[in-house]
Amino acid sequence: MKLYDELAEWWPLLSPTEDYLEEAQELLALVDRLARQPVHRLLELGCGGGSLAHQLRDRFDLTLSDRSPAMVRESRRLNPDCEHVVADMRTIDLDRRFDAVLIHDAVMYLTGRADLRAAFEAARRHLHPEGLLVVMPDVVKERFEPGTDHGGHDGPDGRGLRYLEWRHDRDS
């Protein structure tokens, strides 16, 4: 996908870390409430540019994965102390286990049952027996609302980005 490959260097202006503070707080509250054991090591499947991970890196030992090498490069810039892996969330195999696995908004790219099953099975393989899987989609069918949005940010290097977004249900 062009946004996550050719245009990846623009990601920090499209989706800056400060936009993820509220979601990070929600995730931390979920982990604190639902984890059966202390969560120290967390694997994120589909980390994108690492914006959410940036908000979590002081709390967890993070391993961040994404199928786009360009997005992993952006995440490395933002989170240099975290381990990064270029891998598809459906087939990743790190041969080790984590206290928690997170699939954030990247879950929305898994549009079929087979893809969802493969990603959830990969997550299960990476979890300790009492580990926690957290799935946090931006939108679910039951709460989807068509609409528009706009925004953008200016960077310290003089670049700026503005966008217009139209959301519609392709199935209706």
C-alpha atoms as a PDB file:
ATOM      1  CA  MET A   1       0.000   0.000   0.000  1.00  0.00           C
ATOM      2  CA  LYS A   2       1.508   3.302  -1.110  1.00  0.00           C
ATOM      3  CA  LEU A   3       0.855   5.102   2.206  1.00  0.00           C
ATOM      4  CA  TYR A   4       2.865   2.540   4.154  1.00  0.00           C
ATOM      5  CA  ASP A   5       5.691   2.184   1.647  1.00  0.00           C
ATOM      6  CA  GLU A   6       6.453   5.136  -0.630  1.00  0.00           C
ATOM      7  CA  LEU A   7       4.902   7.732   1.696  1.00  0.00           C
ATOM      8  CA  ALA A   8       5.975   6.214   5.033  1.00  0.00           C
ATOM      9  CA  GLU A   9       8.360   9.076   5.818  1.00  0.00           C
ATOM     10  CA  TRP A  10       5.289  11.330   6.082  1.00  0.00           C
ATOM     11  CA  TRP A  11       3.705   9.126   8.772  1.00  0.00           C
ATOM     12  CA  PRO A  12       4.884  11.242  11.737  1.00  0.00           C
ATOM     13  CA  LEU A  13       2.972  14.208  10.286  1.00  0.00           C
ATOM     14  CA  LEU A  14      -0.149  12.181   9.545  1.00  0.00           C
ATOM     15  CA  SER A  15      -0.216  10.295  12.828  1.00  0.00           C
ATOM     16  CA  PRO A  16       1.974  11.930  15.504  1.00  0.00           C
ATOM     17  CA  THR A  17       2.640  10.323  18.860  1.00  0.00           C
ATOM     18  CA  GLU A  18       0.586  12.825  20.854  1.00  0.00           C
ATOM     19  CA  ASP A  19      -2.529  11.615  19.006  1.00  0.00           C
ATOM     20  CA  TYR A  20      -2.083   8.226  20.711  1.00  0.00           C
ATOM     21  CA  LEU A  21      -2.006   9.295  24.344  1.00  0.00           C
ATOM     22  CA  GLU A  22      -5.683   8.506  25.005  1.00  0.00           C
ATOM     23  CA  GLU A  23      -5.470   5.091  23.312  1.00  0.00           C
ATOM     24  CA  ALA A  24      -2.324   4.283  25.288  1.00  0.00           C
ATOM     25  CA  GLN A  25      -4.132   5.140  28.513  1.00  0.00           C
ATOM     26  CA  GLU A  26      -7.055   2.894  27.489  1.00  0.00           C
ATOM     27  CA  LEU A  27      -4.652   0.059  26.729  1.00  0.00           C
ATOM     28  CA  LEU A  28      -2.843   0.446  30.046  1.00  0.00           C
ATOM     29  CA  ALA A  29      -6.166   0.382  31.901  1.00  0.00           C
ATOM     30  CA  LEU A  30      -7.171  -2.808  30.059  1.00  0.00           C
ATOM     31  CA  VAL A  31      -3.859  -4.484  30.848  1.00  0.00           C
ATOM     32  CA  ASP A  32      -4.064  -3.484  34.503  1.00  0.00           C
ATOM     33  CA  ARG A  33      -7.625  -4.777  34.761  1.00  0.00           C
ATOM     34  CA  LEU A  34      -7.418  -7.987  32.711  1.00  0.00           C
ATOM     35  CA  ALA A  35      -3.889  -9.376  32.943  1.00  0.00           C
ATOM     36  CA  ARG A  36      -3.580 -12.521  35.061  1.00  0.00           C
ATOM     37  CA  GLN A  37       0.135 -11.943  35.537  1.00  0.00           C
ATOM     38  CA  PRO A  38       2.402  -8.886  35.434  1.00  0.00           C
ATOM     39  CA  VAL A  39       2.991  -7.673  31.879  1.00  0.00           C
ATOM     40  CA  HIS A  40       6.598  -6.758  31.191  1.00  0.00           C
ATOM     41  CA  ARG A  41       7.198  -8.010  27.642  1.00  0.00           C
ATOM     42  CA  LEU A  42       4.706  -6.974  24.956  1.00  0.00           C
ATOM     43  CA  LEU A  43       4.657  -7.860  21.250  1.00  0.00           C
ATOM     44  CA  GLU A  44       2.788  -5.505  18.928  1.00  0.00           C
ATOM     45  CA  LEU A  45       1.628  -7.032  15.650  1.00  0.00           C
ATOM     46  CA  GLY A  46       1.158  -4.338  13.008  1.00  0.00           C
ATOM     47  CA  CYS A  47       3.001  -1.511  14.773  1.00  0.00           C
ATOM     48  CA  GLY A  48       2.998   0.813  11.767  1.00  0.00           C
ATOM     49  CA  GLY A  49       5.103   3.892  12.397  1.00  0.00           C
ATOM     50  CA  GLY A  50       5.351   3.169  16.122  1.00  0.00           C
ATOM     51  CA  SER A  51       3.216   6.072  17.345  1.00  0.00           C
ATOM     52  CA  LEU A  52       1.276   4.038  19.926  1.00  0.00           C
ATOM     53  CA  ALA A  53       4.412   2.166  20.988  1.00  0.00           C
ATOM     54  CA  HIS A  54       6.079   5.498  21.676  1.00  0.00           C
ATOM     55  CA  GLN A  55       3.476   6.099  24.395  1.00  0.00           C
ATOM     56  CA  LEU A  56       4.018   2.601  25.853  1.00  0.00           C
ATOM     57  CA  ARG A  57       7.792   2.216  25.742  1.00  0.00           C
ATOM     58  CA  ASP A  58       8.378   3.402  29.315  1.00  0.00           C
ATOM     59  CA  ARG A  59       5.980   0.767  30.677  1.00  0.00           C
ATOM     60  CA  PHE A  60       6.875  -2.331  28.622  1.00  0.00           C
ATOM     61  CA  ASP A  61       9.800  -4.086  26.985  1.00  0.00           C
ATOM     62  CA  LEU A  62       8.429  -3.836  23.445  1.00  0.00           C
ATOM     63  CA  THR A  63       8.969  -5.945  20.354  1.00  0.00           C
ATOM     64  CA  LEU A  64       7.372  -4.198  17.386  1.00  0.00           C
ATOM     65  CA  SER A  65       6.502  -5.874  14.097  1.00  0.00           C
ATOM     66  CA  ASP A  66       5.011  -4.727  10.822  1.00  0.00           C
ATOM     67  CA  ARG A  67       4.987  -6.152   7.308  1.00  0.00           C
ATOM     68  CA  SER A  68       6.144  -2.843   5.777  1.00  0.00           C
ATOM     69  CA  PRO A  69       9.919  -2.304   5.959  1.00  0.00           C
ATOM     70  CA  ALA A  70       9.378   1.439   5.475  1.00  0.00           C
ATOM     71  CA  MET A  71       7.006   1.665   8.449  1.00  0.00           C
ATOM     72  CA  VAL A  72       9.389  -0.381  10.603  1.00  0.00           C
ATOM     73  CA  ARG A  73      12.095   2.121   9.647  1.00  0.00           C
ATOM     74  CA  GLU A  74       9.860   4.978  10.863  1.00  0.00           C
ATOM     75  CA  SER A  75       9.111   3.129  14.090  1.00  0.00           C
ATOM     76  CA  ARG A  76      12.838   2.520  14.670  1.00  0.00           C
ATOM     77  CA  ARG A  77      13.469   6.270  14.416  1.00  0.00           C
ATOM     78  CA  LEU A  78      10.779   6.936  16.991  1.00  0.00           C
ATOM     79  CA  ASN A  79      11.518   3.979  19.279  1.00  0.00           C
ATOM     80  CA  PRO A  80      15.235   3.207  18.944  1.00  0.00           C
ATOM     81  CA  ASP A  81      15.384   1.205  22.177  1.00  0.00           C
ATOM     82  CA  CYS A  82      12.715  -1.263  21.047  1.00  0.00           C
ATOM     83  CA  GLU A  83      13.282  -4.453  19.081  1.00  0.00           C
ATOM     84  CA  HIS A  84      11.834  -4.271  15.561  1.00  0.00           C
ATOM     85  CA  VAL A  85      10.925  -7.086  13.183  1.00  0.00           C
ATOM     86  CA  VAL A  86       9.656  -6.946   9.609  1.00  0.00           C
ATOM     87  CA  ALA A  87       6.976  -9.644   9.549  1.00  0.00           C
ATOM     88  CA  ASP A  88       3.368 -10.281   8.584  1.00  0.00           C
ATOM     89  CA  MET A  89       1.119 -10.655  11.638  1.00  0.00           C
ATOM     90  CA  ARG A  90      -0.473 -13.755  10.104  1.00  0.00           C
ATOM     91  CA  THR A  91       2.783 -15.683   9.765  1.00  0.00           C
ATOM     92  CA  ILE A  92       5.229 -14.180  12.277  1.00  0.00           C
ATOM     93  CA  ASP A  93       7.239 -16.723  14.267  1.00  0.00           C
ATOM     94  CA  LEU A  94       9.763 -15.310  16.732  1.00  0.00           C
ATOM     95  CA  ASP A  95      10.100 -18.611  18.619  1.00  0.00           C
ATOM     96  CA  ARG A  96       9.567 -16.954  21.987  1.00  0.00           C
ATOM     97  CA  ARG A  97       6.689 -15.910  24.231  1.00  0.00           C
ATOM     98  CA  PHE A  98       5.445 -12.627  25.625  1.00  0.00           C
ATOM     99  CA  ASP A  99       3.297 -11.553  28.557  1.00  0.00           C
ATOM    100  CA  ALA A 100       0.949  -9.756  26.161  1.00  0.00           C
ATOM    101  CA  VAL A 101       0.335  -9.393  22.439  1.00  0.00           C
ATOM    102  CA  LEU A 102      -1.302  -6.265  21.020  1.00  0.00           C
ATOM    103  CA  ILE A 103      -3.031  -5.920  17.670  1.00  0.00           C
ATOM    104  CA  HIS A 104      -4.101  -2.295  17.436  1.00  0.00           C
ATOM    105  CA  ASP A 105      -5.775  -0.708  14.408  1.00  0.00           C
ATOM    106  CA  ALA A 106      -3.863  -2.943  11.954  1.00  0.00           C
ATOM    107  CA  VAL A 107      -6.489  -5.601  12.679  1.00  0.00           C
ATOM    108  CA  MET A 108      -8.776  -3.703  10.286  1.00  0.00           C
ATOM    109  CA  TYR A 109      -6.657  -4.908   7.348  1.00  0.00           C
ATOM    110  CA  LEU A 110      -7.606  -8.493   8.158  1.00  0.00           C
ATOM    111  CA  THR A 111     -10.891  -8.557   6.296  1.00  0.00           C
ATOM    112  CA  GLY A 112     -11.499 -12.292   6.041  1.00  0.00           C
ATOM    113  CA  ARG A 113     -11.989 -15.029   8.603  1.00  0.00           C
ATOM    114  CA  ALA A 114      -8.901 -16.923   7.431  1.00  0.00           C
ATOM    115  CA  ASP A 115      -6.694 -13.852   7.910  1.00  0.00           C
ATOM    116  CA  LEU A 116      -8.153 -13.154  11.352  1.00  0.00           C
ATOM    117  CA  ARG A 117      -7.730 -16.770  12.377  1.00  0.00           C
ATOM    118  CA  ALA A 118      -4.100 -16.796  11.183  1.00  0.00           C
ATOM    119  CA  ALA A 119      -3.248 -13.579  13.055  1.00  0.00           C
ATOM    120  CA  PHE A 120      -4.936 -14.741  16.260  1.00  0.00           C
ATOM    121  CA  GLU A 121      -3.154 -18.101  16.020  1.00  0.00           C
ATOM    122  CA  ALA A 122       0.183 -16.294  15.556  1.00  0.00           C
ATOM    123  CA  ALA A 123      -0.620 -14.174  18.599  1.00  0.00           C
ATOM    124  CA  ARG A 124      -1.486 -17.281  20.633  1.00  0.00           C
ATOM    125  CA  ARG A 125       1.825 -18.931  19.686  1.00  0.00           C
ATOM    126  CA  HIS A 126       3.658 -15.905  21.099  1.00  0.00           C
ATOM    127  CA  LEU A 127       1.783 -15.740  24.417  1.00  0.00           C
ATOM    128  CA  HIS A 128       2.749 -17.290  27.725  1.00  0.00           C
ATOM    129  CA  PRO A 129       0.002 -19.672  28.933  1.00  0.00           C
ATOM    130  CA  GLU A 130      -1.544 -16.933  31.113  1.00  0.00           C
ATOM    131  CA  GLY A 131      -0.729 -14.167  28.616  1.00  0.00           C
ATOM    132  CA  LEU A 132      -3.098 -11.453  27.439  1.00  0.00           C
ATOM    133  CA  LEU A 133      -4.182 -10.739  23.854  1.00  0.00           C
ATOM    134  CA  VAL A 134      -5.480  -7.195  23.334  1.00  0.00           C
ATOM    135  CA  VAL A 135      -7.193  -6.297  20.042  1.00  0.00           C
ATOM    136  CA  MET A 136      -8.054  -2.607  19.598  1.00  0.00           C
ATOM    137  CA  PRO A 137      -9.641  -1.802  16.213  1.00  0.00           C
ATOM    138  CA  ASP A 138     -10.349   1.831  15.412  1.00  0.00           C
ATOM    139  CA  VAL A 139     -13.788   0.989  14.058  1.00  0.00           C
ATOM    140  CA  VAL A 140     -16.090  -2.018  14.226  1.00  0.00           C
ATOM    141  CA  LYS A 141     -19.068  -2.661  11.978  1.00  0.00           C
ATOM    142  CA  GLU A 142     -21.587  -2.154  14.771  1.00  0.00           C
ATOM    143  CA  ARG A 143     -20.338   1.385  15.478  1.00  0.00           C
ATOM    144  CA  PHE A 144     -19.245   2.513  12.006  1.00  0.00           C
ATOM    145  CA  GLU A 145     -20.556   5.910  10.960  1.00  0.00           C
ATOM    146  CA  PRO A 146     -19.998   7.414   7.524  1.00  0.00           C
ATOM    147  CA  GLY A 147     -18.533  10.882   7.603  1.00  0.00           C
ATOM    148  CA  THR A 148     -15.637  13.151   6.850  1.00  0.00           C
ATOM    149  CA  ASP A 149     -12.552  14.240   8.706  1.00  0.00           C
ATOM    150  CA  HIS A 150      -9.603  16.503   8.111  1.00  0.00           C
ATOM    151  CA  GLY A 151      -6.387  17.354   9.834  1.00  0.00           C
ATOM    152  CA  GLY A 152      -2.648  17.458   9.568  1.00  0.00           C
ATOM    153  CA  HIS A 153       0.456  18.628  11.316  1.00  0.00           C
ATOM    154  CA  ASP A 154       3.607  20.637  10.737  1.00  0.00           C
ATOM    155  CA  GLY A 155       6.981  19.099  11.451  1.00  0.00           C
ATOM    156  CA  PRO A 156      10.126  20.625  12.921  1.00  0.00           C
ATOM    157  CA  ASP A 157      11.868  20.165   9.558  1.00  0.00           C
ATOM    158  CA  GLY A 158       9.522  22.631   7.818  1.00  0.00           C
ATOM    159  CA  ARG A 159       7.349  19.992   6.166  1.00  0.00           C
ATOM    160  CA  GLY A 160       3.606  20.044   6.658  1.00  0.00           C
ATOM    161  CA  LEU A 161       0.841  17.609   5.812  1.00  0.00           C
ATOM    162  CA  ARG A 162      -2.908  18.152   5.478  1.00  0.00           C
ATOM    163  CA  TYR A 163      -5.531  15.553   4.667  1.00  0.00           C
ATOM    164  CA  LEU A 164      -9.228  15.171   3.908  1.00  0.00           C
ATOM    165  CA  GLU A 165     -10.908  11.851   4.683  1.00  0.00           C
ATOM    166  CA  TRP A 166     -14.250  10.492   3.506  1.00  0.00           C
ATOM    167  CA  ARG A 167     -15.627   7.407   5.268  1.00  0.00           C
ATOM    168  CA  HIS A 168     -18.338   5.359   3.582  1.00  0.00           C
ATOM    169  CA  ASP A 169     -19.669   1.823   3.739  1.00  0.00           C
ATOM    170  CA  ARG A 170     -18.704   0.072   0.505  1.00  0.00           C
ATOM    171  CA  ASP A 171     -21.281  -2.628   1.209  1.00  0.00           C
ATOM    172  CA  SER A 172     -24.303  -0.324   1.327  1.00  0.00           C
END
